[in-house]
Amino acid sequence: MKRIFFLFFSVFFLGSSSLFSFQREYLRSSSGATLELTYRALEPGEVILVSLKDASSAEEVTLWFQGKDYPLKKDSANLESFAFIGLDLGTEPGMHMMKVLVMEEEGTWEYIQKEIPIAVKEFPERTLWVDERFVTPPPWARERIKIEAEILTYIYGVYTPRWLGEGEFILPTADDVAPNFGERRIFNNNPRSPHSGVDISSPYGTSVKASNSGKVVLAKELYFAGQTVIIDHGLGLFTHYLHLSSLRVKRGEWVKKGAVIGEVGATGRVTGPHLHWGIRLLGARVDPFSLLSLSWEE
């Protein structure tokens, strides 16, 4: 037997328009299930945290958005009570439909649709000059680049169904951070892909820490990224740390939040020593600052 209801919601705003202010939106079904949506902004490159705050009589809640599904269950050994939705850097502005299915214990269900307005966001442009081999790779490097791209696609396609992190994320170094996510890059007068992370200006050899707990799924040198570490935090969320001078971890190793995983360097396609810190969320390229903005209870 089914029942169809409208989902009632309320919105309130917290903080100012700073990098770390956020908004909360509560979605409540007539059966008592309550979803909390927390986000910094509804723009390309942002993260939406969806938390199931009150399951009441709900057996399971499933959310669908942009072709991906997010099953939620409060206090369950099989499902997490929260999920992260990534609005990719290339997300088209406009209305995007969110669908929610609330399954109740007695077998009835409620189905809801809600439009999520994604705003236009303009990203700056920057011209950089690097070693020409990182703009027009020599023939011997092209096969390596292709293989490394396939490896990264495979890694970011793996889904760990449980959350491996511990609380909020932290900055991997405490130095000057450039809010240059999404910056349109022109290398040696050649347009390239937008900048999909943020750069942290740190002295050569500065310790780099894991921004949250998880499993190291890659620790090696890549052609463009240089010495690289990628950590799987579960629920499709990965952090990566590029251009390191040395690595302190190995693939398959479990690390705690704050553990040293390498040192700042200038390997790969760089103009000088710095750390590139980025996030992939179910394949979406999102701004790390949007993740630092979030707070939740596990």
C-alpha atoms as a PDB file:
ATOM      1  CA  MET A   1       0.000   0.000   0.000  1.00  0.00           C
ATOM      2  CA  LYS A   2       1.355   3.426  -0.802  1.00  0.00           C
ATOM      3  CA  ARG A   3       0.775   6.971   0.356  1.00  0.00           C
ATOM      4  CA  ILE A   4       2.021  10.049  -1.423  1.00  0.00           C
ATOM      5  CA  PHE A   5       2.652  13.260   0.518  1.00  0.00           C
ATOM      6  CA  PHE A   6       4.247  16.621   0.051  1.00  0.00           C
ATOM      7  CA  LEU A   7       7.456  17.130   2.000  1.00  0.00           C
ATOM      8  CA  PHE A   8       7.334  20.253   4.140  1.00  0.00           C
ATOM      9  CA  PHE A   9      10.567  22.158   4.626  1.00  0.00           C
ATOM     10  CA  SER A  10      11.981  25.163   6.401  1.00  0.00           C
ATOM     11  CA  VAL A  11      15.164  27.120   5.750  1.00  0.00           C
ATOM     12  CA  PHE A  12      17.314  29.256   7.995  1.00  0.00           C
ATOM     13  CA  PHE A  13      20.754  30.763   7.562  1.00  0.00           C
ATOM     14  CA  LEU A  14      23.736  30.657   9.894  1.00  0.00           C
ATOM     15  CA  GLY A  15      26.793  32.861   9.937  1.00  0.00           C
ATOM     16  CA  SER A  16      27.919  35.480   7.454  1.00  0.00           C
ATOM     17  CA  SER A  17      28.996  35.208   3.840  1.00  0.00           C
ATOM     18  CA  SER A  18      32.479  34.003   4.820  1.00  0.00           C
ATOM     19  CA  LEU A  19      34.141  30.890   3.471  1.00  0.00           C
ATOM     20  CA  PHE A  20      32.854  28.872   6.410  1.00  0.00           C
ATOM     21  CA  SER A  21      29.261  30.056   6.790  1.00  0.00           C
ATOM     22  CA  PHE A  22      26.587  27.514   5.940  1.00  0.00           C
ATOM     23  CA  GLN A  23      22.872  27.010   5.535  1.00  0.00           C
ATOM     24  CA  ARG A  24      20.553  24.342   6.880  1.00  0.00           C
ATOM     25  CA  GLU A  25      17.321  23.173   5.359  1.00  0.00           C
ATOM     26  CA  TYR A  26      15.029  20.703   7.101  1.00  0.00           C
ATOM     27  CA  LEU A  27      12.856  18.356   5.073  1.00  0.00           C
ATOM     28  CA  ARG A  28      10.059  16.736   7.089  1.00  0.00           C
ATOM     29  CA  SER A  29       7.638  14.082   5.906  1.00  0.00           C
ATOM     30  CA  SER A  30       4.164  13.644   7.331  1.00  0.00           C
ATOM     31  CA  SER A  31       5.275  10.321   8.869  1.00  0.00           C
ATOM     32  CA  GLY A  32       7.928  12.126  10.932  1.00  0.00           C
ATOM     33  CA  ALA A  33      11.096  11.380   8.943  1.00  0.00           C
ATOM     34  CA  THR A  34      13.362  14.448   8.976  1.00  0.00           C
ATOM     35  CA  LEU A  35      16.241  15.112   6.609  1.00  0.00           C
ATOM     36  CA  GLU A  36      18.700  17.929   7.239  1.00  0.00           C
ATOM     37  CA  LEU A  37      20.474  19.452   4.224  1.00  0.00           C
ATOM     38  CA  THR A  38      23.569  21.473   5.145  1.00  0.00           C
ATOM     39  CA  TYR A  39      25.581  23.397   2.572  1.00  0.00           C
ATOM     40  CA  ARG A  40      27.665  26.520   2.062  1.00  0.00           C
ATOM     41  CA  ALA A  41      26.002  27.389  -1.247  1.00  0.00           C
ATOM     42  CA  LEU A  42      24.048  25.717  -4.039  1.00  0.00           C
ATOM     43  CA  GLU A  43      26.653  26.284  -6.738  1.00  0.00           C
ATOM     44  CA  PRO A  44      29.021  24.176  -8.869  1.00  0.00           C
ATOM     45  CA  GLY A  45      31.823  22.750  -6.752  1.00  0.00           C
ATOM     46  CA  GLU A  46      29.889  22.630  -3.468  1.00  0.00           C
ATOM     47  CA  VAL A  47      29.041  19.779  -1.076  1.00  0.00           C
ATOM     48  CA  ILE A  48      25.602  19.091   0.379  1.00  0.00           C
ATOM     49  CA  LEU A  49      25.534  17.062   3.598  1.00  0.00           C
ATOM     50  CA  VAL A  50      22.292  15.104   3.974  1.00  0.00           C
ATOM     51  CA  SER A  51      21.591  13.777   7.475  1.00  0.00           C
ATOM     52  CA  LEU A  52      18.689  11.635   8.651  1.00  0.00           C
ATOM     53  CA  LYS A  53      17.834  13.269  11.983  1.00  0.00           C
ATOM     54  CA  ASP A  54      14.598  11.510  12.859  1.00  0.00           C
ATOM     55  CA  ALA A  55      13.630   8.219  11.283  1.00  0.00           C
ATOM     56  CA  SER A  56      10.488   7.757  13.413  1.00  0.00           C
ATOM     57  CA  SER A  57       8.608   4.870  11.831  1.00  0.00           C
ATOM     58  CA  ALA A  58      10.728   4.886   8.668  1.00  0.00           C
ATOM     59  CA  GLU A  59      12.480   1.642   7.812  1.00  0.00           C
ATOM     60  CA  GLU A  60      14.720   3.278   5.230  1.00  0.00           C
ATOM     61  CA  VAL A  61      15.052   6.565   3.365  1.00  0.00           C
ATOM     62  CA  THR A  62      16.551   6.730  -0.122  1.00  0.00           C
ATOM     63  CA  LEU A  63      17.464   9.963  -1.872  1.00  0.00           C
ATOM     64  CA  TRP A  64      18.142  10.310  -5.603  1.00  0.00           C
ATOM     65  CA  PHE A  65      19.963  13.268  -7.116  1.00  0.00           C
ATOM     66  CA  GLN A  66      21.770  13.762 -10.437  1.00  0.00           C
ATOM     67  CA  GLY A  67      21.691  10.071 -11.307  1.00  0.00           C
ATOM     68  CA  LYS A  68      23.041   8.825  -7.964  1.00  0.00           C
ATOM     69  CA  ASP A  69      21.235   7.187  -5.060  1.00  0.00           C
ATOM     70  CA  TYR A  70      21.915   7.727  -1.357  1.00  0.00           C
ATOM     71  CA  PRO A  71      20.364   5.184   1.058  1.00  0.00           C
ATOM     72  CA  LEU A  72      20.060   6.354   4.676  1.00  0.00           C
ATOM     73  CA  LYS A  73      19.069   4.636   7.922  1.00  0.00           C
ATOM     74  CA  LYS A  74      19.453   5.959  11.449  1.00  0.00           C
ATOM     75  CA  ASP A  75      21.219   3.681  13.981  1.00  0.00           C
ATOM     76  CA  SER A  76      21.682   0.845  11.514  1.00  0.00           C
ATOM     77  CA  ALA A  77      24.555  -1.631  11.228  1.00  0.00           C
ATOM     78  CA  ASN A  78      24.180  -1.656   7.455  1.00  0.00           C
ATOM     79  CA  LEU A  79      23.637   1.963   6.388  1.00  0.00           C
ATOM     80  CA  GLU A  80      24.962   5.361   7.473  1.00  0.00           C
ATOM     81  CA  SER A  81      22.584   8.057   8.684  1.00  0.00           C
ATOM     82  CA  PHE A  82      24.236  10.701   6.486  1.00  0.00           C
ATOM     83  CA  ALA A  83      25.580  11.110   2.949  1.00  0.00           C
ATOM     84  CA  PHE A  84      27.575  13.649   0.963  1.00  0.00           C
ATOM     85  CA  ILE A  85      26.308  14.997  -2.355  1.00  0.00           C
ATOM     86  CA  GLY A  86      28.880  16.620  -4.628  1.00  0.00           C
ATOM     87  CA  LEU A  87      27.881  19.347  -7.079  1.00  0.00           C
ATOM     88  CA  ASP A  88      30.583  18.903  -9.696  1.00  0.00           C
ATOM     89  CA  LEU A  89      32.612  21.842 -10.936  1.00  0.00           C
ATOM     90  CA  GLY A  90      30.901  21.407 -14.309  1.00  0.00           C
ATOM     91  CA  THR A  91      27.319  21.226 -12.989  1.00  0.00           C
ATOM     92  CA  GLU A  92      24.926  23.161 -15.205  1.00  0.00           C
ATOM     93  CA  PRO A  93      23.064  25.963 -13.402  1.00  0.00           C
ATOM     94  CA  GLY A  94      19.301  25.720 -13.134  1.00  0.00           C
ATOM     95  CA  MET A  95      16.783  23.492 -11.377  1.00  0.00           C
ATOM     96  CA  HIS A  96      17.878  19.944 -10.536  1.00  0.00           C
ATOM     97  CA  MET A  97      15.306  17.486  -9.216  1.00  0.00           C
ATOM     98  CA  MET A  98      15.862  15.742  -5.880  1.00  0.00           C
ATOM     99  CA  LYS A  99      13.711  12.710  -5.133  1.00  0.00           C
ATOM    100  CA  VAL A 100      13.157  11.125  -1.712  1.00  0.00           C
ATOM    101  CA  LEU A 101      11.517   7.785  -0.912  1.00  0.00           C
ATOM    102  CA  VAL A 102      10.553   7.071   2.706  1.00  0.00           C
ATOM    103  CA  MET A 103       9.859   3.378   3.381  1.00  0.00           C
ATOM    104  CA  GLU A 104       7.865   2.787   6.554  1.00  0.00           C
ATOM    105  CA  GLU A 105       7.987  -0.259   8.807  1.00  0.00           C
ATOM    106  CA  GLU A 106       4.432  -1.372   7.961  1.00  0.00           C
ATOM    107  CA  GLY A 107       5.242  -1.440   4.240  1.00  0.00           C
ATOM    108  CA  THR A 108       3.739   1.892   3.203  1.00  0.00           C
ATOM    109  CA  TRP A 109       5.829   4.582   1.569  1.00  0.00           C
ATOM    110  CA  GLU A 110       5.969   8.292   0.863  1.00  0.00           C
ATOM    111  CA  TYR A 111       7.450   9.732  -2.318  1.00  0.00           C
ATOM    112  CA  ILE A 112       8.617  13.293  -2.714  1.00  0.00           C
ATOM    113  CA  GLN A 113      10.173  15.579  -5.321  1.00  0.00           C
ATOM    114  CA  LYS A 114      11.996  18.816  -4.618  1.00  0.00           C
ATOM    115  CA  GLU A 115      13.755  21.146  -7.035  1.00  0.00           C
ATOM    116  CA  ILE A 116      17.254  22.241  -6.042  1.00  0.00           C
ATOM    117  CA  PRO A 117      18.265  25.555  -7.660  1.00  0.00           C
ATOM    118  CA  ILE A 118      21.925  25.537  -8.716  1.00  0.00           C
ATOM    119  CA  ALA A 119      23.187  29.084  -9.173  1.00  0.00           C
ATOM    120  CA  VAL A 120      25.674  30.351 -11.760  1.00  0.00           C
ATOM    121  CA  LYS A 121      29.229  30.690 -10.470  1.00  0.00           C
ATOM    122  CA  GLU A 122      31.990  32.527 -12.271  1.00  0.00           C
ATOM    123  CA  PHE A 123      35.555  31.265 -11.846  1.00  0.00           C
ATOM    124  CA  PRO A 124      38.679  33.377 -12.435  1.00  0.00           C
ATOM    125  CA  GLU A 125      41.271  32.791 -15.132  1.00  0.00           C
ATOM    126  CA  ARG A 126      45.027  32.571 -14.625  1.00  0.00           C
ATOM    127  CA  THR A 127      48.035  32.209 -16.909  1.00  0.00           C
ATOM    128  CA  LEU A 128      50.977  30.137 -15.673  1.00  0.00           C
ATOM    129  CA  TRP A 129      54.354  29.203 -17.117  1.00  0.00           C
ATOM    130  CA  VAL A 130      55.761  25.733 -16.555  1.00  0.00           C
ATOM    131  CA  ASP A 131      58.228  23.318 -18.100  1.00  0.00           C
ATOM    132  CA  GLU A 132      57.047  22.704 -21.676  1.00  0.00           C
ATOM    133  CA  ARG A 133      57.050  18.918 -21.168  1.00  0.00           C
ATOM    134  CA  PHE A 134      54.031  19.387 -18.872  1.00  0.00           C
ATOM    135  CA  VAL A 135      52.111  21.237 -21.599  1.00  0.00           C
ATOM    136  CA  THR A 136      53.141  19.164 -24.614  1.00  0.00           C
ATOM    137  CA  PRO A 137      54.306  15.829 -23.174  1.00  0.00           C
ATOM    138  CA  PRO A 138      57.026  14.032 -25.153  1.00  0.00           C
ATOM    139  CA  PRO A 139      56.077  10.791 -26.940  1.00  0.00           C
ATOM    140  CA  TRP A 140      57.633   8.589 -24.246  1.00  0.00           C
ATOM    141  CA  ALA A 141      55.358  10.120 -21.580  1.00  0.00           C
ATOM    142  CA  ARG A 142      52.033   9.807 -23.384  1.00  0.00           C
ATOM    143  CA  GLU A 143      51.440   6.114 -22.627  1.00  0.00           C
ATOM    144  CA  ARG A 144      52.330   6.707 -18.985  1.00  0.00           C
ATOM    145  CA  ILE A 145      49.837   9.587 -18.775  1.00  0.00           C
ATOM    146  CA  LYS A 146      47.123   7.414 -20.307  1.00  0.00           C
ATOM    147  CA  ILE A 147      47.743   4.558 -17.850  1.00  0.00           C
ATOM    148  CA  GLU A 148      47.786   6.918 -14.875  1.00  0.00           C
ATOM    149  CA  ALA A 149      44.476   8.456 -15.975  1.00  0.00           C
ATOM    150  CA  GLU A 150      42.944   4.961 -16.111  1.00  0.00           C
ATOM    151  CA  ILE A 151      44.268   4.176 -12.623  1.00  0.00           C
ATOM    152  CA  LEU A 152      42.726   7.357 -11.210  1.00  0.00           C
ATOM    153  CA  THR A 153      39.394   6.651 -12.904  1.00  0.00           C
ATOM    154  CA  TYR A 154      39.367   3.191 -11.335  1.00  0.00           C
ATOM    155  CA  ILE A 155      40.303   4.463  -7.865  1.00  0.00           C
ATOM    156  CA  TYR A 156      37.645   7.187  -7.809  1.00  0.00           C
ATOM    157  CA  GLY A 157      35.080   4.676  -9.076  1.00  0.00           C
ATOM    158  CA  VAL A 158      35.417   2.426  -6.017  1.00  0.00           C
ATOM    159  CA  TYR A 159      32.658   2.893  -3.439  1.00  0.00           C
ATOM    160  CA  THR A 160      33.208   2.074   0.250  1.00  0.00           C
ATOM    161  CA  PRO A 161      29.703   1.849   1.793  1.00  0.00           C
ATOM    162  CA  ARG A 162      30.750   2.800   5.339  1.00  0.00           C
ATOM    163  CA  TRP A 163      32.127   6.073   6.693  1.00  0.00           C
ATOM    164  CA  LEU A 164      35.813   5.782   7.630  1.00  0.00           C
ATOM    165  CA  GLY A 165      36.353   9.369   8.791  1.00  0.00           C
ATOM    166  CA  GLU A 166      36.296  10.810  12.305  1.00  0.00           C
ATOM    167  CA  GLY A 167      34.347  14.013  12.774  1.00  0.00           C
ATOM    168  CA  GLU A 168      35.068  17.186  10.851  1.00  0.00           C
ATOM    169  CA  PHE A 169      37.806  17.622   8.245  1.00  0.00           C
ATOM    170  CA  ILE A 170      40.961  19.621   8.965  1.00  0.00           C
ATOM    171  CA  LEU A 171      43.426  21.528   6.781  1.00  0.00           C
ATOM    172  CA  PRO A 172      46.400  19.341   5.812  1.00  0.00           C
ATOM    173  CA  THR A 173      48.803  22.229   6.556  1.00  0.00           C
ATOM    174  CA  ALA A 174      48.290  25.473   8.458  1.00  0.00           C
ATOM    175  CA  ASP A 175      49.852  27.806   5.868  1.00  0.00           C
ATOM    176  CA  ASP A 176      48.413  30.295   3.357  1.00  0.00           C
ATOM    177  CA  VAL A 177      45.546  28.788   1.373  1.00  0.00           C
ATOM    178  CA  ALA A 178      44.596  30.182  -2.027  1.00  0.00           C
ATOM    179  CA  PRO A 179      40.823  29.925  -2.642  1.00  0.00           C
ATOM    180  CA  ASN A 180      41.545  29.102  -6.300  1.00  0.00           C
ATOM    181  CA  PHE A 181      39.231  26.162  -6.799  1.00  0.00           C
ATOM    182  CA  GLY A 182      37.737  26.175 -10.307  1.00  0.00           C
ATOM    183  CA  GLU A 183      40.309  28.620 -11.649  1.00  0.00           C
ATOM    184  CA  ARG A 184      40.564  28.367 -15.437  1.00  0.00           C
ATOM    185  CA  ARG A 185      44.211  27.543 -16.124  1.00  0.00           C
ATOM    186  CA  ILE A 186      46.250  28.601 -19.148  1.00  0.00           C
ATOM    187  CA  PHE A 187      49.667  26.937 -19.225  1.00  0.00           C
ATOM    188  CA  ASN A 188      52.200  28.491 -21.608  1.00  0.00           C
ATOM    189  CA  ASN A 189      49.319  30.092 -23.535  1.00  0.00           C
ATOM    190  CA  ASN A 190      47.481  26.746 -23.801  1.00  0.00           C
ATOM    191  CA  PRO A 191      44.080  26.407 -22.061  1.00  0.00           C
ATOM    192  CA  ARG A 192      43.840  23.355 -19.811  1.00  0.00           C
ATOM    193  CA  SER A 193      41.326  21.836 -17.402  1.00  0.00           C
ATOM    194  CA  PRO A 194      40.013  24.001 -14.538  1.00  0.00           C
ATOM    195  CA  HIS A 195      41.850  23.795 -11.236  1.00  0.00           C
ATOM    196  CA  SER A 196      40.001  21.127  -9.263  1.00  0.00           C
ATOM    197  CA  GLY A 197      41.531  21.754  -5.830  1.00  0.00           C
ATOM    198  CA  VAL A 198      43.043  24.489  -3.701  1.00  0.00           C
ATOM    199  CA  ASP A 199      46.725  25.411  -3.388  1.00  0.00           C
ATOM    200  CA  ILE A 200      48.383  25.829  -0.003  1.00  0.00           C
ATOM    201  CA  SER A 201      51.634  27.805  -0.049  1.00  0.00           C
ATOM    202  CA  SER A 202      53.995  26.068   2.357  1.00  0.00           C
ATOM    203  CA  PRO A 203      57.788  25.909   2.627  1.00  0.00           C
ATOM    204  CA  TYR A 204      59.503  22.948   1.023  1.00  0.00           C
ATOM    205  CA  GLY A 205      59.491  19.983   3.410  1.00  0.00           C
ATOM    206  CA  THR A 206      56.501  21.114   5.513  1.00  0.00           C
ATOM    207  CA  SER A 207      54.616  18.158   6.975  1.00  0.00           C
ATOM    208  CA  VAL A 208      51.316  17.295   5.256  1.00  0.00           C
ATOM    209  CA  LYS A 209      48.624  15.708   7.420  1.00  0.00           C
ATOM    210  CA  ALA A 210      45.648  13.539   6.537  1.00  0.00           C
ATOM    211  CA  SER A 211      42.582  15.798   6.626  1.00  0.00           C
ATOM    212  CA  ASN A 212      40.551  12.884   7.988  1.00  0.00           C
ATOM    213  CA  SER A 213      40.910   9.196   8.784  1.00  0.00           C
ATOM    214  CA  GLY A 214      40.713   6.623   6.034  1.00  0.00           C
ATOM    215  CA  LYS A 215      42.563   4.163   3.838  1.00  0.00           C
ATOM    216  CA  VAL A 216      45.451   5.127   1.557  1.00  0.00           C
ATOM    217  CA  VAL A 217      44.496   3.921  -1.924  1.00  0.00           C
ATOM    218  CA  LEU A 218      47.391   5.509  -3.826  1.00  0.00           C
ATOM    219  CA  ALA A 219      50.884   6.656  -2.802  1.00  0.00           C
ATOM    220  CA  LYS A 220      53.155   7.111  -5.806  1.00  0.00           C
ATOM    221  CA  GLU A 221      54.553   9.592  -8.297  1.00  0.00           C
ATOM    222  CA  LEU A 222      52.330  10.642 -11.207  1.00  0.00           C
ATOM    223  CA  TYR A 223      53.427  12.557 -14.295  1.00  0.00           C
ATOM    224  CA  PHE A 224      51.377  15.733 -13.789  1.00  0.00           C
ATOM    225  CA  ALA A 225      50.615  15.483 -10.053  1.00  0.00           C
ATOM    226  CA  GLY A 226      54.084  14.462  -8.888  1.00  0.00           C
ATOM    227  CA  GLN A 227      54.345  12.571  -5.600  1.00  0.00           C
ATOM    228  CA  THR A 228      50.710  11.889  -4.715  1.00  0.00           C
ATOM    229  CA  VAL A 229      48.659  10.459  -1.846  1.00  0.00           C
ATOM    230  CA  ILE A 230      44.947   9.616  -2.164  1.00  0.00           C
ATOM    231  CA  ILE A 231      42.859   8.649   0.874  1.00  0.00           C
ATOM    232  CA  ASP A 232      39.463   6.913   0.755  1.00  0.00           C
ATOM    233  CA  HIS A 233      37.231   8.191   3.581  1.00  0.00           C
ATOM    234  CA  GLY A 234      34.221   6.103   2.610  1.00  0.00           C
ATOM    235  CA  LEU A 235      30.823   6.972   1.084  1.00  0.00           C
ATOM    236  CA  GLY A 236      32.551   7.824  -2.209  1.00  0.00           C
ATOM    237  CA  LEU A 237      34.643  10.654  -0.704  1.00  0.00           C
ATOM    238  CA  PHE A 238      38.384  10.863  -1.431  1.00  0.00           C
ATOM    239  CA  THR A 239      40.983  13.502  -0.580  1.00  0.00           C
ATOM    240  CA  HIS A 240      44.179  13.859  -2.590  1.00  0.00           C
ATOM    241  CA  TYR A 241      47.486  15.563  -1.856  1.00  0.00           C
ATOM    242  CA  LEU A 242      49.725  16.444  -4.818  1.00  0.00           C
ATOM    243  CA  HIS A 243      53.267  17.670  -5.610  1.00  0.00           C
ATOM    244  CA  LEU A 244      54.790  16.181  -2.442  1.00  0.00           C
ATOM    245  CA  SER A 245      58.568  15.965  -2.005  1.00  0.00           C
ATOM    246  CA  SER A 246      58.335  12.648  -0.158  1.00  0.00           C
ATOM    247  CA  LEU A 247      55.755  10.080   0.924  1.00  0.00           C
ATOM    248  CA  ARG A 248      55.293   8.826   4.490  1.00  0.00           C
ATOM    249  CA  VAL A 249      52.578   6.243   3.782  1.00  0.00           C
ATOM    250  CA  LYS A 250      51.991   3.266   1.509  1.00  0.00           C
ATOM    251  CA  ARG A 251      48.995   2.021  -0.437  1.00  0.00           C
ATOM    252  CA  GLY A 252      46.682  -0.078   1.741  1.00  0.00           C
ATOM    253  CA  GLU A 253      47.708   1.662   4.957  1.00  0.00           C
ATOM    254  CA  TRP A 254      45.069   2.986   7.373  1.00  0.00           C
ATOM    255  CA  VAL A 255      45.724   6.505   8.644  1.00  0.00           C
ATOM    256  CA  LYS A 256      44.226   8.608  11.410  1.00  0.00           C
ATOM    257  CA  LYS A 257      43.139  12.215  10.991  1.00  0.00           C
ATOM    258  CA  GLY A 258      46.181  14.425  11.513  1.00  0.00           C
ATOM    259  CA  ALA A 259      48.739  11.713  10.731  1.00  0.00           C
ATOM    260  CA  VAL A 260      51.711  12.897   8.621  1.00  0.00           C
ATOM    261  CA  ILE A 261      51.427  11.404   5.134  1.00  0.00           C
ATOM    262  CA  GLY A 262      54.188  13.329   3.324  1.00  0.00           C
ATOM    263  CA  GLU A 263      56.052  16.615   2.909  1.00  0.00           C
ATOM    264  CA  VAL A 264      55.357  19.627   0.700  1.00  0.00           C
ATOM    265  CA  GLY A 265      57.373  19.644  -2.525  1.00  0.00           C
ATOM    266  CA  ALA A 266      57.482  20.812  -6.111  1.00  0.00           C
ATOM    267  CA  THR A 267      57.093  17.584  -8.086  1.00  0.00           C
ATOM    268  CA  GLY A 268      55.015  17.342 -11.258  1.00  0.00           C
ATOM    269  CA  ARG A 269      53.512  20.345 -13.056  1.00  0.00           C
ATOM    270  CA  VAL A 270      54.227  23.213 -10.666  1.00  0.00           C
ATOM    271  CA  THR A 271      55.630  26.733 -10.562  1.00  0.00           C
ATOM    272  CA  GLY A 272      57.128  26.258  -7.082  1.00  0.00           C
ATOM    273  CA  PRO A 273      56.735  24.399  -3.767  1.00  0.00           C
ATOM    274  CA  HIS A 274      53.137  24.081  -2.583  1.00  0.00           C
ATOM    275  CA  LEU A 275      50.457  21.540  -1.718  1.00  0.00           C
ATOM    276  CA  HIS A 276      47.513  20.922  -4.022  1.00  0.00           C
ATOM    277  CA  TRP A 277      44.662  19.607  -1.871  1.00  0.00           C
ATOM    278  CA  GLY A 278      41.569  18.301  -3.595  1.00  0.00           C
ATOM    279  CA  ILE A 279      38.442  16.182  -3.202  1.00  0.00           C
ATOM    280  CA  ARG A 280      36.561  13.716  -5.367  1.00  0.00           C
ATOM    281  CA  LEU A 281      33.049  12.861  -4.222  1.00  0.00           C
ATOM    282  CA  LEU A 282      31.417  10.070  -6.209  1.00  0.00           C
ATOM    283  CA  GLY A 283      33.430  11.386  -9.153  1.00  0.00           C
ATOM    284  CA  ALA A 284      32.446  15.019  -8.601  1.00  0.00           C
ATOM    285  CA  ARG A 285      35.159  17.691  -8.326  1.00  0.00           C
ATOM    286  CA  VAL A 286      34.284  19.780  -5.278  1.00  0.00           C
ATOM    287  CA  ASP A 287      35.888  22.627  -3.357  1.00  0.00           C
ATOM    288  CA  PRO A 288      37.605  21.418  -0.135  1.00  0.00           C
ATOM    289  CA  PHE A 289      36.447  24.604   1.595  1.00  0.00           C
ATOM    290  CA  SER A 290      32.829  23.493   1.135  1.00  0.00           C
ATOM    291  CA  LEU A 291      33.669  20.355   3.107  1.00  0.00           C
ATOM    292  CA  LEU A 292      35.435  22.275   5.864  1.00  0.00           C
ATOM    293  CA  SER A 293      32.258  24.329   6.195  1.00  0.00           C
ATOM    294  CA  LEU A 294      30.239  21.327   7.346  1.00  0.00           C
ATOM    295  CA  SER A 295      29.577  20.047  10.832  1.00  0.00           C
ATOM    296  CA  TRP A 296      27.670  16.919  11.730  1.00  0.00           C
ATOM    297  CA  GLU A 297      27.216  14.231  14.343  1.00  0.00           C
ATOM    298  CA  GLU A 298      28.148  10.702  13.398  1.00  0.00           C
END
